Amino acid sequence: MPSNFRISNYMTNTVPLKVRGSASGFMWGRTVFTDYDGACLRKILVSSKGVRTEIDPIHGVRGKFNEDQYEAVLLKDGIEYKRELFTTDTIPGSIVPFQGSIDYLVSGPDCDEVHELKSTESKNKLRMIKAGQYSTENLAQCISYMISENTTVGKLIYTYFEPDDAAVYIEKYSRTFEIHIDNSGRIVVDSVPSKWTVHDQLLHRATSAKVVSEEIVWDRPHNWDLLWGSPCAYCPFKAACTEYDKGSIEGASAFIEYAKKCLNPSKESE
C-alpha cells in the first residue's frame, strides 16, 4: 500500500444518496472497466454508506496549487471560464442524482469545454503520461461532466510536479489529452477513436444509482484477478470481496459490515 495512503474511521451515512462524478467508469454489459478501485460498484456501494478512505491532504494541497496555476494562465490569456463548477444531472429511472464539481468550464471557439486537471508527484504516473496513457476513470470523469454540461469537447490535463526545498511545487511536465465526442457518441482522444462510447459511461452512471439505491453487491471489475495491474490492488475492502465471493458472508448488509472491519481491524477482536 502506498505510504501516502491513510484510512479514516467509518461513519454513519446521513446524506442523500448520489452518484459522484469522481467515481465514474465505463461498463459493457455487467462488466465495469476502471484502472483503480474508484469506479468499482462494490466500493461505490460501501462509500454510499459512509464507509470511506481518507486521502492524504497533500493531494488536495498540490491539486489546489495546480488549479491556481492553471487559472493564472486563463486570466493572462483573457479566456472566460468557471472554476469548481457544481454540475448535476438526472439519471433516468432513478431518484438518485448525478453530481460533481468541474475543475474548469472554459469558453471555447464553438462550445464550452470541460477541463479536468490531474496533478501527480508519482514517477510511475509520469512515465505513463509521457507514453500517452491516461487513466480510464479519469477519462470517464471528464466524459461524465461533458455529458452533464451538454458539450462535446473536453481536455484531460496531467501535470507532474516536484516540490523544492521551500515546499513550493515546480512543474516538470504537463500532458493534455484532447477529448471529443463524435456524432455517433464515440469518445475520441487526440483524434483517435477510443473503445468507449457515451453509452458506456451512462450505463455505469445508471448502474451506480441502482447499486446504491437497492444495496446490490455487484460483480468485481474487469481484470480484478490480475497478479499485476488489478484495479483491486490497493483497495482496502478487497478482503470483504474475498469473503463475499467465497460465500463466507451473504447479503449487502453483511458485506458493508465486513468492509467497516477492514477499516478498523482492531474492532474485530474487541
C-alpha atoms as a PDB file:
ATOM      1  CA  MET A   1       0.000   0.000   0.000  1.00  0.00           C
ATOM      2  CA  PRO A   2       1.405   3.458  -0.865  1.00  0.00           C
ATOM      3  CA  SER A   3       2.931   5.340   2.087  1.00  0.00           C
ATOM      4  CA  ASN A   4       0.728   8.383   1.472  1.00  0.00           C
ATOM      5  CA  PHE A   5      -2.500   6.359   1.725  1.00  0.00           C
ATOM      6  CA  ARG A   6      -4.342   6.743   5.003  1.00  0.00           C
ATOM      7  CA  ILE A   7      -7.540   5.157   6.227  1.00  0.00           C
ATOM      8  CA  SER A   8     -10.249   7.015   8.105  1.00  0.00           C
ATOM      9  CA  ASN A   9     -12.800   5.678  10.542  1.00  0.00           C
ATOM     10  CA  TYR A  10     -16.147   4.908   9.025  1.00  0.00           C
ATOM     11  CA  MET A  11     -19.166   6.994   9.862  1.00  0.00           C
ATOM     12  CA  THR A  12     -22.902   6.563   9.511  1.00  0.00           C
ATOM     13  CA  ASN A  13     -24.212   7.867   6.221  1.00  0.00           C
ATOM     14  CA  THR A  14     -26.749  10.638   6.849  1.00  0.00           C
ATOM     15  CA  VAL A  15     -26.620  12.437   3.495  1.00  0.00           C
ATOM     16  CA  PRO A  16     -28.863  11.774   0.486  1.00  0.00           C
ATOM     17  CA  LEU A  17     -27.625   9.194  -1.971  1.00  0.00           C
ATOM     18  CA  LYS A  18     -25.892  10.425  -5.113  1.00  0.00           C
ATOM     19  CA  VAL A  19     -23.649   9.240  -7.915  1.00  0.00           C
ATOM     20  CA  ARG A  20     -20.343  11.106  -7.798  1.00  0.00           C
ATOM     21  CA  GLY A  21     -18.521  12.270 -10.905  1.00  0.00           C
ATOM     22  CA  SER A  22     -15.239  11.413  -9.207  1.00  0.00           C
ATOM     23  CA  ALA A  23     -16.314   7.739  -9.128  1.00  0.00           C
ATOM     24  CA  SER A  24     -17.023   7.452 -12.861  1.00  0.00           C
ATOM     25  CA  GLY A  25     -16.194   4.475 -15.028  1.00  0.00           C
ATOM     26  CA  PHE A  26     -17.329   2.642 -18.152  1.00  0.00           C
ATOM     27  CA  MET A  27     -19.438  -0.517 -18.494  1.00  0.00           C
ATOM     28  CA  TRP A  28     -20.056  -3.192 -21.098  1.00  0.00           C
ATOM     29  CA  GLY A  29     -22.989  -5.330 -20.045  1.00  0.00           C
ATOM     30  CA  ARG A  30     -22.378  -6.200 -16.372  1.00  0.00           C
ATOM     31  CA  THR A  31     -18.654  -5.523 -16.543  1.00  0.00           C
ATOM     32  CA  VAL A  32     -17.090  -2.391 -15.037  1.00  0.00           C
ATOM     33  CA  PHE A  33     -13.888  -1.014 -16.553  1.00  0.00           C
ATOM     34  CA  THR A  34     -11.589   1.004 -14.315  1.00  0.00           C
ATOM     35  CA  ASP A  35      -7.841   1.039 -13.675  1.00  0.00           C
ATOM     36  CA  TYR A  36      -8.188   1.602  -9.932  1.00  0.00           C
ATOM     37  CA  ASP A  37     -10.857   0.915  -7.315  1.00  0.00           C
ATOM     38  CA  GLY A  38     -12.658   4.284  -7.505  1.00  0.00           C
ATOM     39  CA  ALA A  39     -15.250   3.225 -10.089  1.00  0.00           C
ATOM     40  CA  CYS A  40     -15.786  -0.264  -8.668  1.00  0.00           C
ATOM     41  CA  LEU A  41     -19.509  -0.667  -7.927  1.00  0.00           C
ATOM     42  CA  ARG A  42     -18.777  -2.531  -4.700  1.00  0.00           C
ATOM     43  CA  LYS A  43     -16.693   0.340  -3.407  1.00  0.00           C
ATOM     44  CA  ILE A  44     -19.357   2.802  -4.572  1.00  0.00           C
ATOM     45  CA  LEU A  45     -21.937   0.870  -2.516  1.00  0.00           C
ATOM     46  CA  VAL A  46     -19.731   0.875   0.566  1.00  0.00           C
ATOM     47  CA  SER A  47     -18.918   4.582   0.162  1.00  0.00           C
ATOM     48  CA  SER A  48     -22.629   5.409  -0.073  1.00  0.00           C
ATOM     49  CA  LYS A  49     -22.948   4.070   3.488  1.00  0.00           C
ATOM     50  CA  GLY A  50     -20.246   6.402   4.746  1.00  0.00           C
ATOM     51  CA  VAL A  51     -17.511   3.761   4.766  1.00  0.00           C
ATOM     52  CA  ARG A  52     -14.735   5.668   3.077  1.00  0.00           C
ATOM     53  CA  THR A  53     -10.983   6.039   2.984  1.00  0.00           C
ATOM     54  CA  GLU A  54      -9.298   9.322   3.750  1.00  0.00           C
ATOM     55  CA  ILE A  55      -6.872  10.663   1.171  1.00  0.00           C
ATOM     56  CA  ASP A  56      -3.625  12.243   2.312  1.00  0.00           C
ATOM     57  CA  PRO A  57      -4.221  16.035   2.476  1.00  0.00           C
ATOM     58  CA  ILE A  58      -1.069  16.626   0.433  1.00  0.00           C
ATOM     59  CA  HIS A  59      -3.014  15.647  -2.688  1.00  0.00           C
ATOM     60  CA  GLY A  60      -5.506  18.428  -2.020  1.00  0.00           C
ATOM     61  CA  VAL A  61      -2.727  20.945  -1.442  1.00  0.00           C
ATOM     62  CA  ARG A  62      -0.981  20.009  -4.679  1.00  0.00           C
ATOM     63  CA  GLY A  63      -4.278  19.898  -6.562  1.00  0.00           C
ATOM     64  CA  LYS A  64      -5.195  23.426  -5.473  1.00  0.00           C
ATOM     65  CA  PHE A  65      -1.747  24.678  -6.439  1.00  0.00           C
ATOM     66  CA  ASN A  66      -2.190  23.102  -9.870  1.00  0.00           C
ATOM     67  CA  GLU A  67      -5.621  24.687 -10.338  1.00  0.00           C
ATOM     68  CA  ASP A  68      -4.344  28.099  -9.205  1.00  0.00           C
ATOM     69  CA  GLN A  69      -1.538  27.927 -11.751  1.00  0.00           C
ATOM     70  CA  TYR A  70      -3.974  26.956 -14.472  1.00  0.00           C
ATOM     71  CA  GLU A  71      -6.319  29.798 -13.580  1.00  0.00           C
ATOM     72  CA  ALA A  72      -3.450  32.281 -13.797  1.00  0.00           C
ATOM     73  CA  VAL A  73      -2.851  31.224 -17.402  1.00  0.00           C
ATOM     74  CA  LEU A  74      -6.542  31.569 -18.284  1.00  0.00           C
ATOM     75  CA  LEU A  75      -6.631  35.045 -16.762  1.00  0.00           C
ATOM     76  CA  LYS A  76      -3.456  36.062 -18.565  1.00  0.00           C
ATOM     77  CA  ASP A  77      -4.914  34.902 -21.897  1.00  0.00           C
ATOM     78  CA  GLY A  78      -8.246  36.610 -21.248  1.00  0.00           C
ATOM     79  CA  ILE A  79     -10.234  33.383 -21.536  1.00  0.00           C
ATOM     80  CA  GLU A  80     -13.678  33.195 -19.938  1.00  0.00           C
ATOM     81  CA  TYR A  81     -14.188  30.306 -17.523  1.00  0.00           C
ATOM     82  CA  LYS A  82     -15.963  28.986 -14.440  1.00  0.00           C
ATOM     83  CA  ARG A  83     -13.933  27.265 -11.749  1.00  0.00           C
ATOM     84  CA  GLU A  84     -15.122  24.428  -9.480  1.00  0.00           C
ATOM     85  CA  LEU A  85     -18.495  24.472 -11.178  1.00  0.00           C
ATOM     86  CA  PHE A  86     -21.087  22.280  -9.468  1.00  0.00           C
ATOM     87  CA  THR A  87     -22.917  20.155 -12.000  1.00  0.00           C
ATOM     88  CA  THR A  88     -25.862  17.836 -11.530  1.00  0.00           C
ATOM     89  CA  ASP A  89     -27.913  15.650 -13.803  1.00  0.00           C
ATOM     90  CA  THR A  90     -30.874  13.312 -13.557  1.00  0.00           C
ATOM     91  CA  ILE A  91     -30.435   9.586 -14.039  1.00  0.00           C
ATOM     92  CA  PRO A  92     -33.358   8.105 -15.998  1.00  0.00           C
ATOM     93  CA  GLY A  93     -35.423   5.708 -13.912  1.00  0.00           C
ATOM     94  CA  SER A  94     -33.772   6.703 -10.629  1.00  0.00           C
ATOM     95  CA  ILE A  95     -34.302   9.257  -7.874  1.00  0.00           C
ATOM     96  CA  VAL A  96     -30.546   9.236  -7.257  1.00  0.00           C
ATOM     97  CA  PRO A  97     -28.904  12.250  -8.961  1.00  0.00           C
ATOM     98  CA  PHE A  98     -25.526  12.518 -10.626  1.00  0.00           C
ATOM     99  CA  GLN A  99     -23.377  15.266  -9.089  1.00  0.00           C
ATOM    100  CA  GLY A 100     -19.842  16.535  -9.449  1.00  0.00           C
ATOM    101  CA  SER A 101     -17.508  19.503  -9.468  1.00  0.00           C
ATOM    102  CA  ILE A 102     -15.903  20.521 -12.759  1.00  0.00           C
ATOM    103  CA  ASP A 103     -12.395  21.908 -12.376  1.00  0.00           C
ATOM    104  CA  TYR A 104     -12.913  24.392 -15.213  1.00  0.00           C
ATOM    105  CA  LEU A 105     -15.686  25.020 -17.703  1.00  0.00           C
ATOM    106  CA  VAL A 106     -13.910  27.107 -20.330  1.00  0.00           C
ATOM    107  CA  SER A 107     -15.373  29.107 -23.207  1.00  0.00           C
ATOM    108  CA  GLY A 108     -14.183  27.584 -26.468  1.00  0.00           C
ATOM    109  CA  PRO A 109     -14.486  28.683 -30.102  1.00  0.00           C
ATOM    110  CA  ASP A 110     -17.538  26.504 -30.769  1.00  0.00           C
ATOM    111  CA  CYS A 111     -18.831  25.425 -27.347  1.00  0.00           C
ATOM    112  CA  ASP A 112     -17.914  25.321 -23.686  1.00  0.00           C
ATOM    113  CA  GLU A 113     -15.117  22.897 -22.833  1.00  0.00           C
ATOM    114  CA  VAL A 114     -14.687  20.770 -19.720  1.00  0.00           C
ATOM    115  CA  HIS A 115     -11.091  20.920 -18.483  1.00  0.00           C
ATOM    116  CA  GLU A 116     -10.316  18.207 -15.932  1.00  0.00           C
ATOM    117  CA  LEU A 117      -6.969  18.662 -14.149  1.00  0.00           C
ATOM    118  CA  LYS A 118      -4.931  15.899 -12.532  1.00  0.00           C
ATOM    119  CA  SER A 119      -1.683  16.503 -10.652  1.00  0.00           C
ATOM    120  CA  THR A 120       0.887  13.963  -9.529  1.00  0.00           C
ATOM    121  CA  GLU A 121       4.304  13.515  -7.933  1.00  0.00           C
ATOM    122  CA  SER A 122       4.488   9.864  -8.958  1.00  0.00           C
ATOM    123  CA  LYS A 123       7.287   8.941 -11.328  1.00  0.00           C
ATOM    124  CA  ASN A 124       5.284   5.881 -12.402  1.00  0.00           C
ATOM    125  CA  LYS A 125       2.430   8.181 -13.403  1.00  0.00           C
ATOM    126  CA  LEU A 126       4.914  10.443 -15.178  1.00  0.00           C
ATOM    127  CA  ARG A 127       6.128   7.503 -17.277  1.00  0.00           C
ATOM    128  CA  MET A 128       2.525   6.636 -18.137  1.00  0.00           C
ATOM    129  CA  ILE A 129       1.533  10.088 -19.325  1.00  0.00           C
ATOM    130  CA  LYS A 130       4.770  10.508 -21.259  1.00  0.00           C
ATOM    131  CA  ALA A 131       3.856   7.278 -23.024  1.00  0.00           C
ATOM    132  CA  GLY A 132       0.473   8.747 -23.922  1.00  0.00           C
ATOM    133  CA  GLN A 133      -1.515   6.747 -21.373  1.00  0.00           C
ATOM    134  CA  TYR A 134      -4.408   8.115 -19.350  1.00  0.00           C
ATOM    135  CA  SER A 135      -6.441   6.515 -16.572  1.00  0.00           C
ATOM    136  CA  THR A 136      -9.743   5.008 -17.615  1.00  0.00           C
ATOM    137  CA  GLU A 137     -11.605   6.548 -14.681  1.00  0.00           C
ATOM    138  CA  ASN A 138     -10.080   9.995 -15.313  1.00  0.00           C
ATOM    139  CA  LEU A 139     -11.395   9.888 -18.865  1.00  0.00           C
ATOM    140  CA  ALA A 140     -14.778   8.671 -17.606  1.00  0.00           C
ATOM    141  CA  GLN A 141     -14.943  11.522 -15.094  1.00  0.00           C
ATOM    142  CA  CYS A 142     -14.267  14.114 -17.777  1.00  0.00           C
ATOM    143  CA  ILE A 143     -16.844  12.496 -20.062  1.00  0.00           C
ATOM    144  CA  SER A 144     -19.436  12.420 -17.282  1.00  0.00           C
ATOM    145  CA  TYR A 145     -19.098  16.187 -16.845  1.00  0.00           C
ATOM    146  CA  MET A 146     -19.238  16.748 -20.603  1.00  0.00           C
ATOM    147  CA  ILE A 147     -22.498  14.793 -20.706  1.00  0.00           C
ATOM    148  CA  SER A 148     -23.995  16.817 -17.869  1.00  0.00           C
ATOM    149  CA  GLU A 149     -22.957  20.123 -19.442  1.00  0.00           C
ATOM    150  CA  ASN A 150     -24.121  19.014 -22.905  1.00  0.00           C
ATOM    151  CA  THR A 151     -20.779  19.677 -24.553  1.00  0.00           C
ATOM    152  CA  THR A 152     -18.734  17.530 -26.916  1.00  0.00           C
ATOM    153  CA  VAL A 153     -15.283  18.966 -26.182  1.00  0.00           C
ATOM    154  CA  GLY A 154     -13.013  18.464 -23.203  1.00  0.00           C
ATOM    155  CA  LYS A 155      -9.427  18.293 -22.055  1.00  0.00           C
ATOM    156  CA  LEU A 156      -7.826  15.881 -19.582  1.00  0.00           C
ATOM    157  CA  ILE A 157      -4.684  17.585 -18.339  1.00  0.00           C
ATOM    158  CA  TYR A 158      -1.999  15.805 -16.311  1.00  0.00           C
ATOM    159  CA  THR A 159       0.784  17.778 -14.618  1.00  0.00           C
ATOM    160  CA  TYR A 160       3.800  16.284 -12.859  1.00  0.00           C
ATOM    161  CA  PHE A 161       5.252  18.343 -10.010  1.00  0.00           C
ATOM    162  CA  GLU A 162       8.302  18.134  -7.807  1.00  0.00           C
ATOM    163  CA  PRO A 163       8.433  20.106  -4.533  1.00  0.00           C
ATOM    164  CA  ASP A 164      11.545  22.215  -3.958  1.00  0.00           C
ATOM    165  CA  ASP A 165      13.248  22.913  -0.626  1.00  0.00           C
ATOM    166  CA  ALA A 166      10.803  25.710   0.144  1.00  0.00           C
ATOM    167  CA  ALA A 167       7.842  23.323  -0.230  1.00  0.00           C
ATOM    168  CA  VAL A 168       6.797  25.080  -3.436  1.00  0.00           C
ATOM    169  CA  TYR A 169       5.731  22.873  -6.314  1.00  0.00           C
ATOM    170  CA  ILE A 170       7.727  23.071  -9.528  1.00  0.00           C
ATOM    171  CA  GLU A 171       6.022  21.936 -12.710  1.00  0.00           C
ATOM    172  CA  LYS A 172       8.229  19.478 -14.573  1.00  0.00           C
ATOM    173  CA  TYR A 173       5.932  18.041 -17.201  1.00  0.00           C
ATOM    174  CA  SER A 174       2.407  18.509 -18.500  1.00  0.00           C
ATOM    175  CA  ARG A 175       0.381  16.472 -20.970  1.00  0.00           C
ATOM    176  CA  THR A 176      -3.034  17.406 -22.386  1.00  0.00           C
ATOM    177  CA  PHE A 177      -5.362  14.822 -23.891  1.00  0.00           C
ATOM    178  CA  GLU A 178      -7.856  16.399 -26.282  1.00  0.00           C
ATOM    179  CA  ILE A 179     -11.262  14.763 -25.931  1.00  0.00           C
ATOM    180  CA  HIS A 180     -14.133  14.865 -28.380  1.00  0.00           C
ATOM    181  CA  ILE A 181     -17.483  13.077 -28.585  1.00  0.00           C
ATOM    182  CA  ASP A 182     -18.333  12.411 -32.223  1.00  0.00           C
ATOM    183  CA  ASN A 183     -21.797  12.319 -33.791  1.00  0.00           C
ATOM    184  CA  SER A 184     -22.183   8.610 -33.063  1.00  0.00           C
ATOM    185  CA  GLY A 185     -21.359   9.026 -29.370  1.00  0.00           C
ATOM    186  CA  ARG A 186     -17.879   7.547 -29.758  1.00  0.00           C
ATOM    187  CA  ILE A 187     -15.244   9.045 -27.442  1.00  0.00           C
ATOM    188  CA  VAL A 188     -12.233  10.279 -29.399  1.00  0.00           C
ATOM    189  CA  VAL A 189      -8.919  11.064 -27.664  1.00  0.00           C
ATOM    190  CA  ASP A 190      -6.229  13.023 -29.528  1.00  0.00           C
ATOM    191  CA  SER A 191      -8.098  12.379 -32.790  1.00  0.00           C
ATOM    192  CA  VAL A 192      -8.017   8.598 -32.220  1.00  0.00           C
ATOM    193  CA  PRO A 193     -11.351   6.803 -31.591  1.00  0.00           C
ATOM    194  CA  SER A 194     -11.275   5.023 -28.237  1.00  0.00           C
ATOM    195  CA  LYS A 195     -13.141   1.808 -27.426  1.00  0.00           C
ATOM    196  CA  TRP A 196     -15.587   3.768 -25.270  1.00  0.00           C
ATOM    197  CA  THR A 197     -18.866   5.483 -26.049  1.00  0.00           C
ATOM    198  CA  VAL A 198     -21.107   7.871 -24.135  1.00  0.00           C
ATOM    199  CA  HIS A 199     -23.473   4.929 -23.613  1.00  0.00           C
ATOM    200  CA  ASP A 200     -20.727   3.049 -21.742  1.00  0.00           C
ATOM    201  CA  GLN A 201     -20.390   5.901 -19.265  1.00  0.00           C
ATOM    202  CA  LEU A 202     -24.147   6.406 -18.911  1.00  0.00           C
ATOM    203  CA  LEU A 203     -24.557   2.685 -18.186  1.00  0.00           C
ATOM    204  CA  HIS A 204     -22.014   2.936 -15.363  1.00  0.00           C
ATOM    205  CA  ARG A 205     -23.821   6.012 -14.036  1.00  0.00           C
ATOM    206  CA  ALA A 206     -27.231   4.295 -14.107  1.00  0.00           C
ATOM    207  CA  THR A 207     -25.873   1.095 -12.558  1.00  0.00           C
ATOM    208  CA  SER A 208     -24.161   3.089  -9.793  1.00  0.00           C
ATOM    209  CA  ALA A 209     -27.541   4.624  -8.945  1.00  0.00           C
ATOM    210  CA  LYS A 210     -29.160   1.187  -8.905  1.00  0.00           C
ATOM    211  CA  VAL A 211     -26.434  -0.267  -6.690  1.00  0.00           C
ATOM    212  CA  VAL A 212     -26.651   2.439  -4.019  1.00  0.00           C
ATOM    213  CA  SER A 213     -30.454   2.695  -4.021  1.00  0.00           C
ATOM    214  CA  GLU A 214     -31.125  -1.060  -3.968  1.00  0.00           C
ATOM    215  CA  GLU A 215     -27.994  -2.079  -1.991  1.00  0.00           C
ATOM    216  CA  ILE A 216     -26.622  -4.522  -4.551  1.00  0.00           C
ATOM    217  CA  VAL A 217     -23.204  -6.158  -4.249  1.00  0.00           C
ATOM    218  CA  TRP A 218     -22.251  -6.054  -7.941  1.00  0.00           C
ATOM    219  CA  ASP A 219     -19.618  -8.077  -9.790  1.00  0.00           C
ATOM    220  CA  ARG A 220     -15.967  -7.211  -9.332  1.00  0.00           C
ATOM    221  CA  PRO A 221     -14.468  -5.007 -12.085  1.00  0.00           C
ATOM    222  CA  HIS A 222     -12.693  -6.270 -15.185  1.00  0.00           C
ATOM    223  CA  ASN A 223      -9.229  -7.745 -14.504  1.00  0.00           C
ATOM    224  CA  TRP A 224      -9.797  -7.842 -10.739  1.00  0.00           C
ATOM    225  CA  ASP A 225      -7.859 -11.127 -10.526  1.00  0.00           C
ATOM    226  CA  LEU A 226      -4.707  -9.988 -12.335  1.00  0.00           C
ATOM    227  CA  LEU A 227      -1.495 -10.543 -10.387  1.00  0.00           C
ATOM    228  CA  TRP A 228      -0.193  -7.185 -11.636  1.00  0.00           C
ATOM    229  CA  GLY A 229      -2.373  -4.275 -12.664  1.00  0.00           C
ATOM    230  CA  SER A 230      -5.552  -5.304 -10.876  1.00  0.00           C
ATOM    231  CA  PRO A 231      -7.892  -2.381 -10.059  1.00  0.00           C
ATOM    232  CA  CYS A 232      -8.328  -4.041  -6.648  1.00  0.00           C
ATOM    233  CA  ALA A 233      -4.615  -3.997  -5.785  1.00  0.00           C
ATOM    234  CA  TYR A 234      -4.754  -1.143  -3.264  1.00  0.00           C
ATOM    235  CA  CYS A 235      -8.435  -1.336  -2.334  1.00  0.00           C
ATOM    236  CA  PRO A 236      -8.859  -1.512   1.455  1.00  0.00           C
ATOM    237  CA  PHE A 237     -12.050  -3.551   1.035  1.00  0.00           C
ATOM    238  CA  LYS A 238     -10.676  -6.440  -1.036  1.00  0.00           C
ATOM    239  CA  ALA A 239     -10.803  -8.797   1.956  1.00  0.00           C
ATOM    240  CA  ALA A 240     -14.558  -8.174   2.171  1.00  0.00           C
ATOM    241  CA  CYS A 241     -14.874  -9.090  -1.519  1.00  0.00           C
ATOM    242  CA  THR A 242     -12.902 -12.289  -0.976  1.00  0.00           C
ATOM    243  CA  GLU A 243     -15.149 -13.377   1.884  1.00  0.00           C
ATOM    244  CA  TYR A 244     -18.293 -12.441  -0.019  1.00  0.00           C
ATOM    245  CA  ASP A 245     -17.274 -14.329  -3.143  1.00  0.00           C
ATOM    246  CA  LYS A 246     -16.353 -17.397  -1.048  1.00  0.00           C
ATOM    247  CA  GLY A 247     -19.834 -17.335   0.472  1.00  0.00           C
ATOM    248  CA  SER A 248     -18.496 -16.723   3.980  1.00  0.00           C
ATOM    249  CA  ILE A 249     -20.754 -13.679   4.221  1.00  0.00           C
ATOM    250  CA  GLU A 250     -24.083 -13.173   2.489  1.00  0.00           C
ATOM    251  CA  GLY A 251     -26.087 -10.096   1.555  1.00  0.00           C
ATOM    252  CA  ALA A 252     -25.275  -6.408   1.221  1.00  0.00           C
ATOM    253  CA  SER A 253     -25.615  -5.635   4.942  1.00  0.00           C
ATOM    254  CA  ALA A 254     -23.058  -8.275   5.904  1.00  0.00           C
ATOM    255  CA  PHE A 255     -20.749  -7.117   3.118  1.00  0.00           C
ATOM    256  CA  ILE A 256     -20.895  -3.496   4.315  1.00  0.00           C
ATOM    257  CA  GLU A 257     -20.299  -4.532   7.938  1.00  0.00           C
ATOM    258  CA  TYR A 258     -17.252  -6.539   6.898  1.00  0.00           C
ATOM    259  CA  ALA A 259     -15.984  -3.538   4.918  1.00  0.00           C
ATOM    260  CA  LYS A 260     -16.208  -1.456   8.114  1.00  0.00           C
ATOM    261  CA  LYS A 261     -13.997  -4.015   9.852  1.00  0.00           C
ATOM    262  CA  CYS A 262     -11.476  -3.672   7.008  1.00  0.00           C
ATOM    263  CA  LEU A 263     -11.022  -0.022   8.001  1.00  0.00           C
ATOM    264  CA  ASN A 264     -10.905  -0.844  11.703  1.00  0.00           C
ATOM    265  CA  PRO A 265      -9.360  -4.315  12.071  1.00  0.00           C
ATOM    266  CA  SER A 266      -8.819  -3.791  15.822  1.00  0.00           C
ATOM    267  CA  LYS A 267     -12.598  -3.622  16.316  1.00  0.00           C
ATOM    268  CA  GLU A 268     -12.923  -7.229  15.210  1.00  0.00           C
ATOM    269  CA  SER A 269     -11.039  -8.515  18.257  1.00  0.00           C
ATOM    270  CA  GLU A 270     -12.782  -6.320  20.816  1.00  0.00           C
END
